[in-house]
Amino acid sequence: MVRRRHALPNALLPTTTLVFLHLGMVVSGAITVEAVYSWPGLGQLTAEALEAKDLPLLQGIFIVLADDGC
């Protein structure tokens, strides 16, 4: 009970920060590889959705990227 009330909230902040930093690196790496090799894929789709401010498409892309395969 002590872990759940005191330790878990304090441990979630750095964990969440690192997860989202790594997610940003994955997306930026995909965009770079697709731009260099002219491969269409999620990176290019993400870049186009960002430029067009297409929020529903961005949400879908992040759900696909965050899927852990369960």
PDB file of N, CA and C in Angstrom:
ATOM      1  N   MET A   1       0.819  -1.187   0.000  1.00  0.00           N
ATOM      2  CA  MET A   1       0.000   0.000   0.000  1.00  0.00           C
ATOM      3  C   MET A   1       0.871   1.262   0.000  1.00  0.00           C
ATOM      4  N   VAL A   2       1.973   1.211   0.732  1.00  0.00           N
ATOM      5  CA  VAL A   2       2.884   2.357   0.768  1.00  0.00           C
ATOM      6  C   VAL A   2       3.491   2.592  -0.602  1.00  0.00           C
ATOM      7  N   ARG A   3       3.876   1.495  -1.269  1.00  0.00           N
ATOM      8  CA  ARG A   3       4.444   1.643  -2.616  1.00  0.00           C
ATOM      9  C   ARG A   3       3.453   2.282  -3.575  1.00  0.00           C
ATOM     10  N   ARG A   4       2.213   1.836  -3.504  1.00  0.00           N
ATOM     11  CA  ARG A   4       1.197   2.338  -4.426  1.00  0.00           C
ATOM     12  C   ARG A   4       0.903   3.821  -4.184  1.00  0.00           C
ATOM     13  N   ARG A   5       0.883   4.237  -2.948  1.00  0.00           N
ATOM     14  CA  ARG A   5       0.517   5.630  -2.653  1.00  0.00           C
ATOM     15  C   ARG A   5       1.682   6.597  -2.742  1.00  0.00           C
ATOM     16  N   HIS A   6       2.895   6.143  -2.409  1.00  0.00           N
ATOM     17  CA  HIS A   6       4.012   7.076  -2.318  1.00  0.00           C
ATOM     18  C   HIS A   6       5.075   6.861  -3.399  1.00  0.00           C
ATOM     19  N   ALA A   7       5.447   5.631  -3.629  1.00  0.00           N
ATOM     20  CA  ALA A   7       6.537   5.367  -4.569  1.00  0.00           C
ATOM     21  C   ALA A   7       6.079   5.439  -6.019  1.00  0.00           C
ATOM     22  N   LEU A   8       4.934   4.881  -6.327  1.00  0.00           N
ATOM     23  CA  LEU A   8       4.468   4.835  -7.712  1.00  0.00           C
ATOM     24  C   LEU A   8       4.285   6.217  -8.336  1.00  0.00           C
ATOM     25  N   PRO A   9       3.600   7.159  -7.672  1.00  0.00           N
ATOM     26  CA  PRO A   9       3.469   8.484  -8.301  1.00  0.00           C
ATOM     27  C   PRO A   9       4.812   9.162  -8.557  1.00  0.00           C
ATOM     28  N   ASN A  10       5.768   8.964  -7.655  1.00  0.00           N
ATOM     29  CA  ASN A  10       7.086   9.565  -7.847  1.00  0.00           C
ATOM     30  C   ASN A  10       7.885   8.880  -8.943  1.00  0.00           C
ATOM     31  N   ALA A  11       7.639   7.599  -9.153  1.00  0.00           N
ATOM     32  CA  ALA A  11       8.362   6.856 -10.188  1.00  0.00           C
ATOM     33  C   ALA A  11       7.761   7.061 -11.565  1.00  0.00           C
ATOM     34  N   LEU A  12       6.507   7.447 -11.654  1.00  0.00           N
ATOM     35  CA  LEU A  12       5.856   7.597 -12.956  1.00  0.00           C
ATOM     36  C   LEU A  12       6.365   8.793 -13.748  1.00  0.00           C
ATOM     37  N   LEU A  13       6.712   9.868 -13.091  1.00  0.00           N
ATOM     38  CA  LEU A  13       7.130  11.078 -13.806  1.00  0.00           C
ATOM     39  C   LEU A  13       8.394  10.851 -14.645  1.00  0.00           C
ATOM     40  N   PRO A  14       9.494  10.359 -14.081  1.00  0.00           N
ATOM     41  CA  PRO A  14      10.670  10.140 -14.945  1.00  0.00           C
ATOM     42  C   PRO A  14      10.457   9.038 -15.976  1.00  0.00           C
ATOM     43  N   THR A  15       9.665   8.028 -15.634  1.00  0.00           N
ATOM     44  CA  THR A  15       9.398   6.957 -16.582  1.00  0.00           C
ATOM     45  C   THR A  15       8.618   7.479 -17.782  1.00  0.00           C
ATOM     46  N   THR A  16       7.599   8.267 -17.521  1.00  0.00           N
ATOM     47  CA  THR A  16       6.792   8.839 -18.595  1.00  0.00           C
ATOM     48  C   THR A  16       7.637   9.764 -19.462  1.00  0.00           C
ATOM     49  N   THR A  17       8.478  10.554 -18.835  1.00  0.00           N
ATOM     50  CA  THR A  17       9.354  11.465 -19.581  1.00  0.00           C
ATOM     51  C   THR A  17      10.266  10.694 -20.523  1.00  0.00           C
ATOM     52  N   LEU A  18      10.894   9.636 -20.033  1.00  0.00           N
ATOM     53  CA  LEU A  18      11.799   8.856 -20.880  1.00  0.00           C
ATOM     54  C   LEU A  18      11.067   8.148 -22.010  1.00  0.00           C
ATOM     55  N   VAL A  19       9.885   7.651 -21.743  1.00  0.00           N
ATOM     56  CA  VAL A  19       9.111   6.971 -22.788  1.00  0.00           C
ATOM     57  C   VAL A  19       8.809   7.930 -23.929  1.00  0.00           C
ATOM     58  N   PHE A  20       8.354   9.138 -23.605  1.00  0.00           N
ATOM     59  CA  PHE A  20       8.007  10.081 -24.658  1.00  0.00           C
ATOM     60  C   PHE A  20       9.236  10.648 -25.361  1.00  0.00           C
ATOM     61  N   LEU A  21      10.366  10.768 -24.671  1.00  0.00           N
ATOM     62  CA  LEU A  21      11.592  11.183 -25.346  1.00  0.00           C
ATOM     63  C   LEU A  21      12.030  10.127 -26.354  1.00  0.00           C
ATOM     64  N   HIS A  22      11.947   8.868 -25.971  1.00  0.00           N
ATOM     65  CA  HIS A  22      12.332   7.798 -26.899  1.00  0.00           C
ATOM     66  C   HIS A  22      11.350   7.689 -28.060  1.00  0.00           C
ATOM     67  N   LEU A  23      10.070   7.913 -27.804  1.00  0.00           N
ATOM     68  CA  LEU A  23       9.083   7.897 -28.879  1.00  0.00           C
ATOM     69  C   LEU A  23       9.393   8.992 -29.904  1.00  0.00           C
ATOM     70  N   GLY A  24       9.792  10.161 -29.432  1.00  0.00           N
ATOM     71  CA  GLY A  24      10.186  11.236 -30.343  1.00  0.00           C
ATOM     72  C   GLY A  24      11.390  10.862 -31.187  1.00  0.00           C
ATOM     73  N   MET A  25      12.353  10.171 -30.583  1.00  0.00           N
ATOM     74  CA  MET A  25      13.534   9.743 -31.336  1.00  0.00           C
ATOM     75  C   MET A  25      13.169   8.699 -32.392  1.00  0.00           C
ATOM     76  N   VAL A  26      12.254   7.805 -32.068  1.00  0.00           N
ATOM     77  CA  VAL A  26      11.826   6.778 -33.026  1.00  0.00           C
ATOM     78  C   VAL A  26      11.143   7.432 -34.227  1.00  0.00           C
ATOM     79  N   VAL A  27      10.242   8.371 -33.961  1.00  0.00           N
ATOM     80  CA  VAL A  27       9.527   9.038 -35.049  1.00  0.00           C
ATOM     81  C   VAL A  27      10.486   9.865 -35.896  1.00  0.00           C
ATOM     82  N   SER A  28      11.393  10.594 -35.261  1.00  0.00           N
ATOM     83  CA  SER A  28      12.335  11.410 -36.037  1.00  0.00           C
ATOM     84  C   SER A  28      13.294  10.533 -36.843  1.00  0.00           C
ATOM     85  N   GLY A  29      13.676   9.392 -36.293  1.00  0.00           N
ATOM     86  CA  GLY A  29      14.533   8.462 -37.038  1.00  0.00           C
ATOM     87  C   GLY A  29      13.811   7.888 -38.240  1.00  0.00           C
ATOM     88  N   ALA A  30      12.529   7.587 -38.085  1.00  0.00           N
ATOM     89  CA  ALA A  30      11.748   7.056 -39.205  1.00  0.00           C
ATOM     90  C   ALA A  30      11.622   8.098 -40.303  1.00  0.00           C
ATOM     91  N   ILE A  31      11.400   9.341 -39.930  1.00  0.00           N
ATOM     92  CA  ILE A  31      11.285  10.410 -40.920  1.00  0.00           C
ATOM     93  C   ILE A  31      12.606  10.583 -41.667  1.00  0.00           C
ATOM     94  N   THR A  32      13.720  10.525 -40.959  1.00  0.00           N
ATOM     95  CA  THR A  32      15.032  10.688 -41.585  1.00  0.00           C
ATOM     96  C   THR A  32      15.316   9.554 -42.562  1.00  0.00           C
ATOM     97  N   VAL A  33      15.104   8.318 -42.150  1.00  0.00           N
ATOM     98  CA  VAL A  33      15.374   7.167 -43.023  1.00  0.00           C
ATOM     99  C   VAL A  33      14.487   7.211 -44.261  1.00  0.00           C
ATOM    100  N   GLU A  34      13.224   7.553 -44.070  1.00  0.00           N
ATOM    101  CA  GLU A  34      12.318   7.601 -45.214  1.00  0.00           C
ATOM    102  C   GLU A  34      12.674   8.738 -46.163  1.00  0.00           C
ATOM    103  N   ALA A  35      13.179   9.831 -45.646  1.00  0.00           N
ATOM    104  CA  ALA A  35      13.572  10.951 -46.511  1.00  0.00           C
ATOM    105  C   ALA A  35      14.833  10.608 -47.292  1.00  0.00           C
ATOM    106  N   VAL A  36      15.791   9.947 -46.656  1.00  0.00           N
ATOM    107  CA  VAL A  36      17.054   9.610 -47.318  1.00  0.00           C
ATOM    108  C   VAL A  36      16.830   8.564 -48.405  1.00  0.00           C
ATOM    109  N   TYR A  37      16.036   7.537 -48.120  1.00  0.00           N
ATOM    110  CA  TYR A  37      15.853   6.444 -49.067  1.00  0.00           C
ATOM    111  C   TYR A  37      14.580   6.557 -49.902  1.00  0.00           C
ATOM    112  N   SER A  38      13.832   7.617 -49.741  1.00  0.00           N
ATOM    113  CA  SER A  38      12.581   7.850 -50.478  1.00  0.00           C
ATOM    114  C   SER A  38      11.590   6.704 -50.310  1.00  0.00           C
ATOM    115  N   TRP A  39      11.488   6.190 -49.087  1.00  0.00           N
ATOM    116  CA  TRP A  39      10.528   5.139 -48.770  1.00  0.00           C
ATOM    117  C   TRP A  39       9.278   5.776 -48.182  1.00  0.00           C
ATOM    118  N   PRO A  40       8.114   5.528 -48.745  1.00  0.00           N
ATOM    119  CA  PRO A  40       6.894   6.027 -48.093  1.00  0.00           C
ATOM    120  C   PRO A  40       6.581   5.166 -46.867  1.00  0.00           C
ATOM    121  N   GLY A  41       6.147   5.813 -45.800  1.00  0.00           N
ATOM    122  CA  GLY A  41       5.836   5.059 -44.585  1.00  0.00           C
ATOM    123  C   GLY A  41       5.255   5.956 -43.516  1.00  0.00           C
ATOM    124  N   LEU A  42       5.287   5.483 -42.278  1.00  0.00           N
ATOM    125  CA  LEU A  42       4.694   6.222 -41.175  1.00  0.00           C
ATOM    126  C   LEU A  42       5.437   7.524 -40.877  1.00  0.00           C
ATOM    127  N   GLY A  43       6.721   7.555 -41.094  1.00  0.00           N
ATOM    128  CA  GLY A  43       7.469   8.784 -40.852  1.00  0.00           C
ATOM    129  C   GLY A  43       7.034   9.907 -41.782  1.00  0.00           C
ATOM    130  N   GLN A  44       6.929   9.593 -43.055  1.00  0.00           N
ATOM    131  CA  GLN A  44       6.481  10.579 -44.034  1.00  0.00           C
ATOM    132  C   GLN A  44       5.034  10.986 -43.768  1.00  0.00           C
ATOM    133  N   LEU A  45       4.207  10.012 -43.428  1.00  0.00           N
ATOM    134  CA  LEU A  45       2.814  10.299 -43.105  1.00  0.00           C
ATOM    135  C   LEU A  45       2.717  11.206 -41.881  1.00  0.00           C
ATOM    136  N   THR A  46       3.574  10.969 -40.885  1.00  0.00           N
ATOM    137  CA  THR A  46       3.599  11.807 -39.685  1.00  0.00           C
ATOM    138  C   THR A  46       4.012  13.225 -40.027  1.00  0.00           C
ATOM    139  N   ALA A  47       5.034  13.371 -40.847  1.00  0.00           N
ATOM    140  CA  ALA A  47       5.495  14.710 -41.233  1.00  0.00           C
ATOM    141  C   ALA A  47       4.403  15.460 -41.994  1.00  0.00           C
ATOM    142  N   GLU A  48       3.730  14.778 -42.903  1.00  0.00           N
ATOM    143  CA  GLU A  48       2.646  15.425 -43.656  1.00  0.00           C
ATOM    144  C   GLU A  48       1.471  15.788 -42.745  1.00  0.00           C
ATOM    145  N   ALA A  49       1.153  14.927 -41.795  1.00  0.00           N
ATOM    146  CA  ALA A  49       0.061  15.213 -40.866  1.00  0.00           C
ATOM    147  C   ALA A  49       0.409  16.390 -39.962  1.00  0.00           C
ATOM    148  N   LEU A  50       1.685  16.506 -39.589  1.00  0.00           N
ATOM    149  CA  LEU A  50       2.108  17.650 -38.772  1.00  0.00           C
ATOM    150  C   LEU A  50       1.994  18.954 -39.551  1.00  0.00           C
ATOM    151  N   GLU A  51       2.404  18.927 -40.808  1.00  0.00           N
ATOM    152  CA  GLU A  51       2.322  20.137 -41.633  1.00  0.00           C
ATOM    153  C   GLU A  51       0.879  20.548 -41.876  1.00  0.00           C
ATOM    154  N   ALA A  52      -0.016  19.568 -42.053  1.00  0.00           N
ATOM    155  CA  ALA A  52      -1.414  19.861 -42.346  1.00  0.00           C
ATOM    156  C   ALA A  52      -2.256  20.042 -41.077  1.00  0.00           C
ATOM    157  N   LYS A  53      -1.628  19.844 -39.907  1.00  0.00           N
ATOM    158  CA  LYS A  53      -2.327  19.930 -38.620  1.00  0.00           C
ATOM    159  C   LYS A  53      -3.533  18.991 -38.575  1.00  0.00           C
ATOM    160  N   ASP A  54      -3.315  17.763 -39.038  1.00  0.00           N
ATOM    161  CA  ASP A  54      -4.353  16.738 -39.065  1.00  0.00           C
ATOM    162  C   ASP A  54      -4.292  15.944 -37.760  1.00  0.00           C
ATOM    163  N   LEU A  55      -4.987  16.418 -36.732  1.00  0.00           N
ATOM    164  CA  LEU A  55      -4.904  15.830 -35.405  1.00  0.00           C
ATOM    165  C   LEU A  55      -5.459  14.404 -35.325  1.00  0.00           C
ATOM    166  N   PRO A  56      -6.586  14.093 -35.958  1.00  0.00           N
ATOM    167  CA  PRO A  56      -7.044  12.694 -35.894  1.00  0.00           C
ATOM    168  C   PRO A  56      -6.033  11.706 -36.503  1.00  0.00           C
ATOM    169  N   LEU A  57      -5.397  12.089 -37.583  1.00  0.00           N
ATOM    170  CA  LEU A  57      -4.395  11.223 -38.192  1.00  0.00           C
ATOM    171  C   LEU A  57      -3.190  11.067 -37.265  1.00  0.00           C
ATOM    172  N   LEU A  58      -2.757  12.141 -36.632  1.00  0.00           N
ATOM    173  CA  LEU A  58      -1.637  12.068 -35.695  1.00  0.00           C
ATOM    174  C   LEU A  58      -1.971  11.164 -34.511  1.00  0.00           C
ATOM    175  N   GLN A  59      -3.185  11.260 -34.005  1.00  0.00           N
ATOM    176  CA  GLN A  59      -3.586  10.391 -32.906  1.00  0.00           C
ATOM    177  C   GLN A  59      -3.538   8.931 -33.323  1.00  0.00           C
ATOM    178  N   GLY A  60      -3.997   8.635 -34.519  1.00  0.00           N
ATOM    179  CA  GLY A  60      -3.952   7.269 -35.022  1.00  0.00           C
ATOM    180  C   GLY A  60      -2.532   6.760 -35.193  1.00  0.00           C
ATOM    181  N   ILE A  61      -1.652   7.612 -35.685  1.00  0.00           N
ATOM    182  CA  ILE A  61      -0.254   7.221 -35.874  1.00  0.00           C
ATOM    183  C   ILE A  61       0.392   6.918 -34.526  1.00  0.00           C
ATOM    184  N   PHE A  62       0.142   7.765 -33.540  1.00  0.00           N
ATOM    185  CA  PHE A  62       0.753   7.527 -32.223  1.00  0.00           C
ATOM    186  C   PHE A  62       0.189   6.290 -31.547  1.00  0.00           C
ATOM    187  N   ILE A  63      -1.065   5.975 -31.811  1.00  0.00           N
ATOM    188  CA  ILE A  63      -1.632   4.733 -31.260  1.00  0.00           C
ATOM    189  C   ILE A  63      -0.953   3.542 -31.906  1.00  0.00           C
ATOM    190  N   VAL A  64      -0.721   3.605 -33.212  1.00  0.00           N
ATOM    191  CA  VAL A  64      -0.034   2.503 -33.903  1.00  0.00           C
ATOM    192  C   VAL A  64       1.395   2.371 -33.391  1.00  0.00           C
ATOM    193  N   LEU A  65       2.099   3.475 -33.216  1.00  0.00           N
ATOM    194  CA  LEU A  65       3.484   3.428 -32.746  1.00  0.00           C
ATOM    195  C   LEU A  65       3.572   2.981 -31.293  1.00  0.00           C
ATOM    196  N   ALA A  66       2.562   3.288 -30.499  1.00  0.00           N
ATOM    197  CA  ALA A  66       2.601   2.946 -29.073  1.00  0.00           C
ATOM    198  C   ALA A  66       2.085   1.538 -28.803  1.00  0.00           C
ATOM    199  N   ASP A  67       1.523   0.863 -29.796  1.00  0.00           N
ATOM    200  CA  ASP A  67       0.991  -0.477 -29.599  1.00  0.00           C
ATOM    201  C   ASP A  67       2.123  -1.421 -29.212  1.00  0.00           C
ATOM    202  N   ASP A  68       1.939  -2.151 -28.125  1.00  0.00           N
ATOM    203  CA  ASP A  68       2.980  -3.068 -27.656  1.00  0.00           C
ATOM    204  C   ASP A  68       2.790  -4.500 -28.138  1.00  0.00           C
ATOM    205  N   GLY A  69       1.825  -4.721 -28.998  1.00  0.00           N
ATOM    206  CA  GLY A  69       1.637  -6.042 -29.581  1.00  0.00           C
ATOM    207  C   GLY A  69       0.773  -6.977 -28.760  1.00  0.00           C
ATOM    208  N   CYS A  70       0.114  -6.474 -27.756  1.00  0.00           N
ATOM    209  CA  CYS A  70      -0.740  -7.342 -26.911  1.00  0.00           C
ATOM    210  C   CYS A  70      -2.045  -7.652 -27.593  1.00  0.00           C
TER     211      CYS A  70
END
